Amino acid sequence: MSSSSTQLPTPEGPGSVSQAPNLPAGFTDTFTSRYIDTGELRQHAVIGGDGPPLLLVHGWPETWYAWRLLMPALARDFEVVAVDQRGMGLTDKPQDGYDTGTLAGDLIALMDALGHQRFAVVGHDTGFAISYALAADHADRVERVALLELPGSPGTAPSPPLFLPGPLNDRLWHLGFNRIDKLNEQLVAGREDLFFRWEFDAAAKKLPDEVINYYVGILSNPDSLRGSFGWYRALETTIAQNEQRKTGRLTMPVLAIGGEASFGENVGNGVRAVADNVQGIVIPGTGHFLAEESPDEMLAALTAFLAPYRDGPAAVPEPRRHAADVSESRR
């Protein structure tokens, strides 16, 4: 796929802004779905707002939609770029390239295509690991980074033991299952609701059924199911990369956020092992899916952390490049 494409198709279907359900009022007046051709990968992102660029990287098993409750307020101060990771949502789903080094490279190519030399990043769950790789491998591009709801990227902290107490096993069993070659897809196909609904039970504040149904619907096809397991199947490569990354340390400001009913203070502890300038926050009464369970508390934490970036030199708009590589859709 060439980055010189002059016209890309309009993003359509439930994965796009135009057909996503239950969006906040006025959402589609601000945000558009776009395909961005970065040469080797066609990525989907939902973009809107004014100000310095802010990249949002979702976790598993979600898409850009995980950030929907925060995006309108963030868009008052930032140009928000909520991307679908490689293999997820409407972004391409190749057979390989799911290690965090490659995934971070995808995001650098995305921000290059949008004309953003430096930017801030927020990453949740698998997006935590990708955002850590992004900040470590491309420190000259990242102003500051918020890392949410992992007790450290794999390889930077001790791995959990094989035999865990029951409640922890219920939370973490998927780490091994998702890595299996093909059998997991065969077992989950046709049972997507059962499998993914179990995972969303990690929320301390239960997500609405219609939200879970939305995610399950997007994942209920062979390519999306395979793509959703890609990050896990590449863990050996990611862990080897992180062994090298942790020989250096992040020096930009880092915000580590955990949910009290999930990883809690372990998030901040894990981040401090690899970063020098860390602020840790635990959101009370909240489980794993921070942005959907406690959006007001999340917004308050991010707003305070991002204020120096919002008010700094990055607030001056950058010239845009590669406009021909972007396809835009409005409702």
Protein backbone atom coordinates (compact mmCIF):
# COMPACT_ATOMS: atom_id res chain seq x y z
CA MET A 1 0.00 0.00 0.00
CA SER A 2 1.53 3.31 -1.02
CA SER A 3 1.51 6.43 1.12
CA SER A 4 1.07 8.43 -2.07
CA SER A 5 -2.56 7.36 -2.40
CA THR A 6 -4.74 10.30 -3.36
CA GLN A 7 -8.00 8.84 -2.15
CA LEU A 8 -8.83 6.39 0.61
CA PRO A 9 -12.25 4.89 1.26
CA THR A 10 -14.49 6.44 3.87
CA PRO A 11 -14.48 4.52 7.18
CA GLU A 12 -17.86 2.84 7.56
CA GLY A 13 -19.66 0.45 9.86
CA PRO A 14 -19.96 0.33 13.65
CA GLY A 15 -16.20 0.77 14.06
CA SER A 16 -16.42 4.28 12.61
CA VAL A 17 -17.67 7.46 14.22
CA SER A 18 -20.61 7.56 11.85
CA GLN A 19 -22.17 4.35 13.22
CA ALA A 20 -20.78 4.01 16.75
CA PRO A 21 -23.63 3.92 19.29
CA ASN A 22 -24.24 6.00 22.40
CA LEU A 23 -21.68 8.71 21.76
CA PRO A 24 -21.74 11.84 23.91
CA ALA A 25 -23.92 14.67 22.63
CA GLY A 26 -22.25 16.65 19.86
CA PHE A 27 -19.46 14.09 19.41
CA THR A 28 -19.77 13.92 15.64
CA ASP A 29 -19.65 17.71 15.38
CA THR A 30 -16.07 17.55 16.65
CA PHE A 31 -14.69 14.15 15.65
CA THR A 32 -14.23 12.38 12.34
CA SER A 33 -13.18 8.88 11.38
CA ARG A 34 -10.16 8.81 9.08
CA TYR A 35 -8.08 6.22 7.35
CA ILE A 36 -4.38 7.10 7.29
CA ASP A 37 -2.16 5.22 4.85
CA THR A 38 1.31 4.98 6.38
CA GLY A 39 2.82 2.92 3.58
CA GLU A 40 2.72 -0.59 5.06
CA LEU A 41 -0.44 -0.26 7.14
CA ARG A 42 -3.76 1.49 6.76
CA GLN A 43 -4.70 2.79 10.17
CA HIS A 44 -8.02 4.07 11.45
CA ALA A 45 -8.14 6.97 13.88
CA VAL A 46 -10.84 9.24 15.24
CA ILE A 47 -9.56 12.80 15.25
CA GLY A 48 -10.86 16.17 16.43
CA GLY A 49 -10.22 19.20 18.58
CA ASP A 50 -7.81 22.12 18.66
CA GLY A 51 -4.43 22.41 20.31
CA PRO A 52 -1.25 20.36 20.60
CA PRO A 53 -1.57 16.70 19.53
CA LEU A 54 -2.64 14.06 22.05
CA LEU A 55 -2.45 10.39 21.03
CA LEU A 56 -4.78 7.93 22.81
CA VAL A 57 -3.87 4.22 22.61
CA HIS A 58 -6.59 1.81 23.77
CA GLY A 59 -6.20 -1.59 25.42
CA TRP A 60 -7.58 -5.09 24.86
CA PRO A 61 -10.26 -6.00 23.86
CA GLU A 62 -11.31 -2.47 22.91
CA THR A 63 -10.90 0.14 20.18
CA TRP A 64 -10.76 3.97 19.98
CA TYR A 65 -14.31 3.84 21.42
CA ALA A 66 -12.86 3.22 24.90
CA TRP A 67 -11.95 6.92 25.09
CA ARG A 68 -15.29 8.34 23.89
CA LEU A 69 -16.36 9.71 27.30
CA LEU A 70 -13.12 11.70 27.69
CA MET A 71 -12.63 12.88 24.12
CA PRO A 72 -15.03 15.87 23.94
CA ALA A 73 -13.50 17.55 27.00
CA LEU A 74 -9.94 16.78 25.89
CA ALA A 75 -10.70 18.22 22.46
CA ARG A 76 -11.17 21.68 24.00
CA ASP A 77 -7.42 21.82 24.64
CA PHE A 78 -5.87 19.28 22.27
CA GLU A 79 -6.10 17.77 18.84
CA VAL A 80 -7.14 14.30 19.96
CA VAL A 81 -6.02 11.30 17.90
CA ALA A 82 -7.70 8.10 19.14
CA VAL A 83 -6.23 5.28 17.08
CA ASP A 84 -7.21 1.66 16.53
CA GLN A 85 -4.10 -0.48 17.13
CA ARG A 86 -2.82 -2.79 14.40
CA GLY A 87 -5.19 -5.78 14.37
CA MET A 88 -8.06 -3.99 16.13
CA GLY A 89 -11.13 -2.06 15.04
CA LEU A 90 -10.90 -0.75 11.48
CA THR A 91 -7.10 -0.73 11.28
CA ASP A 92 -5.48 -3.36 9.04
CA LYS A 93 -4.95 -6.84 10.51
CA PRO A 94 -1.80 -8.32 9.00
CA GLN A 95 -0.47 -11.70 10.06
CA ASP A 96 2.49 -10.30 11.99
CA GLY A 97 4.03 -7.15 13.43
CA TYR A 98 2.42 -7.21 16.90
CA ASP A 99 5.52 -6.75 19.05
CA THR A 100 5.52 -3.40 20.80
CA GLY A 101 8.49 -2.13 18.82
CA THR A 102 6.58 -2.53 15.57
CA LEU A 103 3.35 -1.23 17.11
CA ALA A 104 5.17 1.86 18.37
CA GLY A 105 6.58 2.33 14.88
CA ASP A 106 3.03 2.20 13.51
CA LEU A 107 2.12 5.15 15.73
CA ILE A 108 5.19 7.13 14.75
CA ALA A 109 4.22 6.64 11.10
CA LEU A 110 0.65 7.72 11.93
CA MET A 111 1.76 10.93 13.62
CA ASP A 112 4.24 11.61 10.80
CA ALA A 113 1.41 11.34 8.29
CA LEU A 114 -0.66 13.77 10.36
CA GLY A 115 2.26 16.20 10.55
CA HIS A 116 3.01 15.93 14.26
CA GLN A 117 6.68 15.91 15.22
CA ARG A 118 6.12 15.90 18.99
CA PHE A 119 3.07 14.84 20.96
CA ALA A 120 1.74 13.54 24.28
CA VAL A 121 0.51 9.97 24.69
CA VAL A 122 -1.99 8.14 26.89
CA GLY A 123 -1.96 4.33 26.80
CA HIS A 124 -4.15 1.79 28.59
CA ASP A 125 -3.51 -1.95 29.11
CA THR A 126 -1.86 -3.25 25.90
CA GLY A 127 -1.73 0.43 24.98
CA PHE A 128 0.37 0.96 28.14
CA ALA A 129 2.99 -1.45 26.76
CA ILE A 130 2.87 0.13 23.30
CA SER A 131 3.13 3.64 24.75
CA TYR A 132 6.07 2.62 26.93
CA ALA A 133 7.85 1.30 23.82
CA LEU A 134 6.95 4.51 21.99
CA ALA A 135 8.42 6.68 24.75
CA ALA A 136 11.52 4.50 25.13
CA ASP A 137 12.28 3.98 21.44
CA HIS A 138 11.28 7.46 20.25
CA ALA A 139 11.96 9.69 23.25
CA ASP A 140 12.59 12.66 20.98
CA ARG A 141 8.97 12.50 19.80
CA VAL A 142 7.11 12.15 23.13
CA GLU A 143 6.58 15.20 25.34
CA ARG A 144 4.99 13.26 28.19
CA VAL A 145 3.15 9.96 28.60
CA ALA A 146 0.37 8.60 30.81
CA LEU A 147 0.47 4.82 31.39
CA LEU A 148 -2.69 3.14 32.66
CA GLU A 149 -3.47 -0.17 34.31
CA LEU A 150 -0.53 -2.51 33.90
CA PRO A 151 1.92 -3.25 36.72
CA GLY A 152 4.76 -2.66 34.24
CA SER A 153 5.25 -3.60 30.60
CA PRO A 154 6.11 -7.32 30.16
CA GLY A 155 9.82 -7.83 30.65
CA THR A 156 10.27 -4.73 32.81
CA ALA A 157 8.68 -6.35 35.87
CA PRO A 158 8.61 -9.94 37.16
CA SER A 159 6.14 -12.18 35.34
CA PRO A 160 3.26 -13.59 37.41
CA PRO A 161 3.73 -17.21 38.54
CA LEU A 162 1.96 -20.02 36.73
CA PHE A 163 -0.14 -20.90 39.78
CA LEU A 164 -2.02 -17.90 41.16
CA PRO A 165 -4.70 -17.46 43.83
CA GLY A 166 -8.17 -17.96 42.37
CA PRO A 167 -9.21 -14.30 42.03
CA LEU A 168 -5.92 -13.38 40.35
CA ASN A 169 -6.11 -16.41 38.07
CA ASP A 170 -9.58 -15.27 36.99
CA ARG A 171 -8.06 -11.92 36.03
CA LEU A 172 -4.86 -13.09 34.35
CA TRP A 173 -5.58 -16.50 32.82
CA HIS A 174 -6.10 -14.94 29.40
CA LEU A 175 -2.39 -13.95 29.20
CA GLY A 176 -1.49 -17.56 28.43
CA PHE A 177 -4.68 -18.46 26.58
CA ASN A 178 -4.44 -15.55 24.16
CA ARG A 179 -0.91 -16.61 23.12
CA ILE A 180 -1.99 -20.05 21.87
CA ASP A 181 -1.70 -20.61 18.13
CA LYS A 182 -5.12 -21.08 16.45
CA LEU A 183 -6.79 -23.17 19.17
CA ASN A 184 -7.97 -20.08 21.06
CA GLU A 185 -9.61 -18.74 17.90
CA GLN A 186 -11.33 -22.07 17.35
CA LEU A 187 -12.62 -22.17 20.93
CA VAL A 188 -13.82 -18.54 20.99
CA ALA A 189 -15.38 -18.41 17.49
CA GLY A 190 -19.15 -18.47 17.93
CA ARG A 191 -18.71 -17.89 21.68
CA GLU A 192 -17.35 -14.35 21.51
CA ASP A 193 -20.02 -13.02 23.85
CA LEU A 194 -19.17 -15.57 26.53
CA PHE A 195 -15.41 -15.01 26.28
CA PHE A 196 -15.22 -11.23 26.03
CA ARG A 197 -18.03 -10.60 28.49
CA TRP A 198 -15.98 -12.51 31.07
CA GLU A 199 -13.06 -10.18 30.39
CA PHE A 200 -15.20 -7.08 30.82
CA ASP A 201 -16.25 -8.40 34.22
CA ALA A 202 -12.89 -7.03 35.39
CA ALA A 203 -14.70 -3.70 35.70
CA ALA A 204 -15.54 -2.75 39.28
CA LYS A 205 -18.27 -0.50 37.87
CA LYS A 206 -20.01 -2.71 35.35
CA LEU A 207 -20.00 -1.51 31.79
CA PRO A 208 -23.47 -1.23 30.21
CA ASP A 209 -24.61 -4.27 28.26
CA GLU A 210 -24.91 -2.21 25.09
CA VAL A 211 -21.24 -1.20 25.35
CA ILE A 212 -20.09 -4.81 25.81
CA ASN A 213 -22.37 -5.88 22.96
CA TYR A 214 -20.72 -3.25 20.77
CA TYR A 215 -17.22 -4.54 21.45
CA VAL A 216 -18.30 -8.16 21.03
CA GLY A 217 -19.90 -7.36 17.69
CA ILE A 218 -16.71 -5.75 16.38
CA LEU A 219 -14.66 -8.77 17.47
CA SER A 220 -17.04 -11.41 16.09
CA ASN A 221 -15.31 -12.19 12.80
CA PRO A 222 -12.22 -14.29 12.05
CA ASP A 223 -9.83 -11.46 11.14
CA SER A 224 -10.71 -9.34 14.17
CA LEU A 225 -10.48 -12.32 16.51
CA ARG A 226 -7.05 -13.24 15.14
CA GLY A 227 -5.91 -9.62 15.29
CA SER A 228 -7.04 -9.28 18.89
CA PHE A 229 -4.65 -12.07 19.92
CA GLY A 230 -1.70 -10.68 17.96
CA TRP A 231 -0.24 -8.59 20.81
CA TYR A 232 -0.16 -11.64 23.09
CA ARG A 233 1.35 -13.97 20.50
CA ALA A 234 4.25 -11.52 20.08
CA LEU A 235 5.04 -11.35 23.80
CA GLU A 236 8.34 -13.21 23.53
CA THR A 237 9.63 -10.60 21.12
CA THR A 238 8.23 -7.75 23.22
CA ILE A 239 9.82 -9.12 26.41
CA ALA A 240 13.20 -9.38 24.68
CA GLN A 241 12.83 -5.79 23.47
CA ASN A 242 11.90 -4.61 26.95
CA GLU A 243 14.99 -6.29 28.42
CA GLN A 244 16.95 -3.86 26.28
CA ARG A 245 14.66 -0.86 26.88
CA LYS A 246 14.92 -1.09 30.65
CA THR A 247 18.70 -0.63 30.47
CA GLY A 248 17.79 3.03 29.91
CA ARG A 249 15.18 5.11 31.68
CA LEU A 250 12.37 7.37 30.60
CA THR A 251 13.19 10.97 31.45
CA MET A 252 10.04 12.76 30.26
CA PRO A 253 7.16 13.28 32.75
CA VAL A 254 5.13 10.09 33.26
CA LEU A 255 1.72 9.69 34.88
CA ALA A 256 0.92 6.18 36.16
CA ILE A 257 -2.76 5.48 36.91
CA GLY A 258 -4.22 2.37 38.48
CA GLY A 259 -7.71 1.41 39.51
CA GLU A 260 -8.11 0.73 43.22
CA ALA A 261 -10.02 -2.49 42.50
CA SER A 262 -7.46 -3.60 39.90
CA PHE A 263 -3.68 -3.02 39.77
CA GLY A 264 -3.81 0.02 42.05
CA GLU A 265 -0.43 1.22 43.34
CA ASN A 266 1.36 -1.54 41.43
CA VAL A 267 1.04 0.57 38.29
CA GLY A 268 3.09 3.40 39.73
CA ASN A 269 5.58 0.97 41.27
CA GLY A 270 6.08 -0.74 37.93
CA VAL A 271 6.58 2.53 36.08
CA ARG A 272 9.11 3.84 38.63
CA ALA A 273 11.31 0.86 37.78
CA VAL A 274 11.87 2.30 34.29
CA ALA A 275 11.23 6.06 34.59
CA ASP A 276 12.68 8.94 36.63
CA ASN A 277 9.89 11.53 36.71
CA VAL A 278 6.77 9.62 37.77
CA GLN A 279 3.52 10.74 39.34
CA GLY A 280 1.33 7.89 40.56
CA ILE A 281 -2.45 8.04 41.03
CA VAL A 282 -4.93 5.41 42.19
CA ILE A 283 -8.58 6.04 41.29
CA PRO A 284 -10.86 4.85 44.12
CA GLY A 285 -13.62 2.31 43.53
CA THR A 286 -12.49 1.66 39.98
CA GLY A 287 -11.46 -1.50 38.16
CA HIS A 288 -9.45 -2.06 35.00
CA PHE A 289 -11.43 -0.01 32.47
CA LEU A 290 -10.62 3.41 33.89
CA ALA A 291 -11.84 5.66 31.08
CA GLU A 292 -15.25 3.98 30.99
CA GLU A 293 -15.74 3.35 34.70
CA SER A 294 -14.56 6.69 36.09
CA PRO A 295 -14.35 9.20 33.24
CA ASP A 296 -14.62 12.30 35.46
CA GLU A 297 -11.73 11.21 37.69
CA MET A 298 -9.68 10.20 34.66
CA LEU A 299 -10.31 13.53 32.98
CA ALA A 300 -9.27 15.44 36.11
CA ALA A 301 -6.02 13.45 36.37
CA LEU A 302 -5.14 13.83 32.69
CA THR A 303 -6.05 17.53 32.60
CA ALA A 304 -3.70 18.34 35.47
CA PHE A 305 -0.89 16.20 34.07
CA LEU A 306 -1.20 17.59 30.54
CA ALA A 307 -1.56 21.27 31.55
CA PRO A 308 2.17 22.13 31.15
CA TYR A 309 2.13 20.51 27.71
CA ARG A 310 -1.11 22.29 26.77
CA ASP A 311 0.35 25.67 27.74
CA GLY A 312 3.88 25.11 26.43
CA PRO A 313 5.55 25.52 23.02
CA ALA A 314 3.61 22.57 21.61
CA ALA A 315 0.46 24.72 21.78
CA VAL A 316 1.68 26.50 18.62
CA PRO A 317 0.06 24.66 15.67
CA GLU A 318 2.42 22.66 13.45
CA PRO A 319 2.29 22.79 9.64
CA ARG A 320 0.40 19.82 8.23
CA ARG A 321 1.86 17.29 5.79
CA HIS A 322 0.62 14.38 3.71
CA ALA A 323 -2.92 15.67 3.48
CA ALA A 324 -3.52 13.37 0.52
CA ASP A 325 -3.07 10.35 2.77
CA VAL A 326 -6.06 11.10 4.94
CA SER A 327 -9.67 10.13 4.24
CA GLU A 328 -12.30 11.84 6.38
CA SER A 329 -15.88 10.91 7.22
CA ARG A 330 -18.48 13.00 9.01
CA ARG A 331 -21.82 11.76 10.17
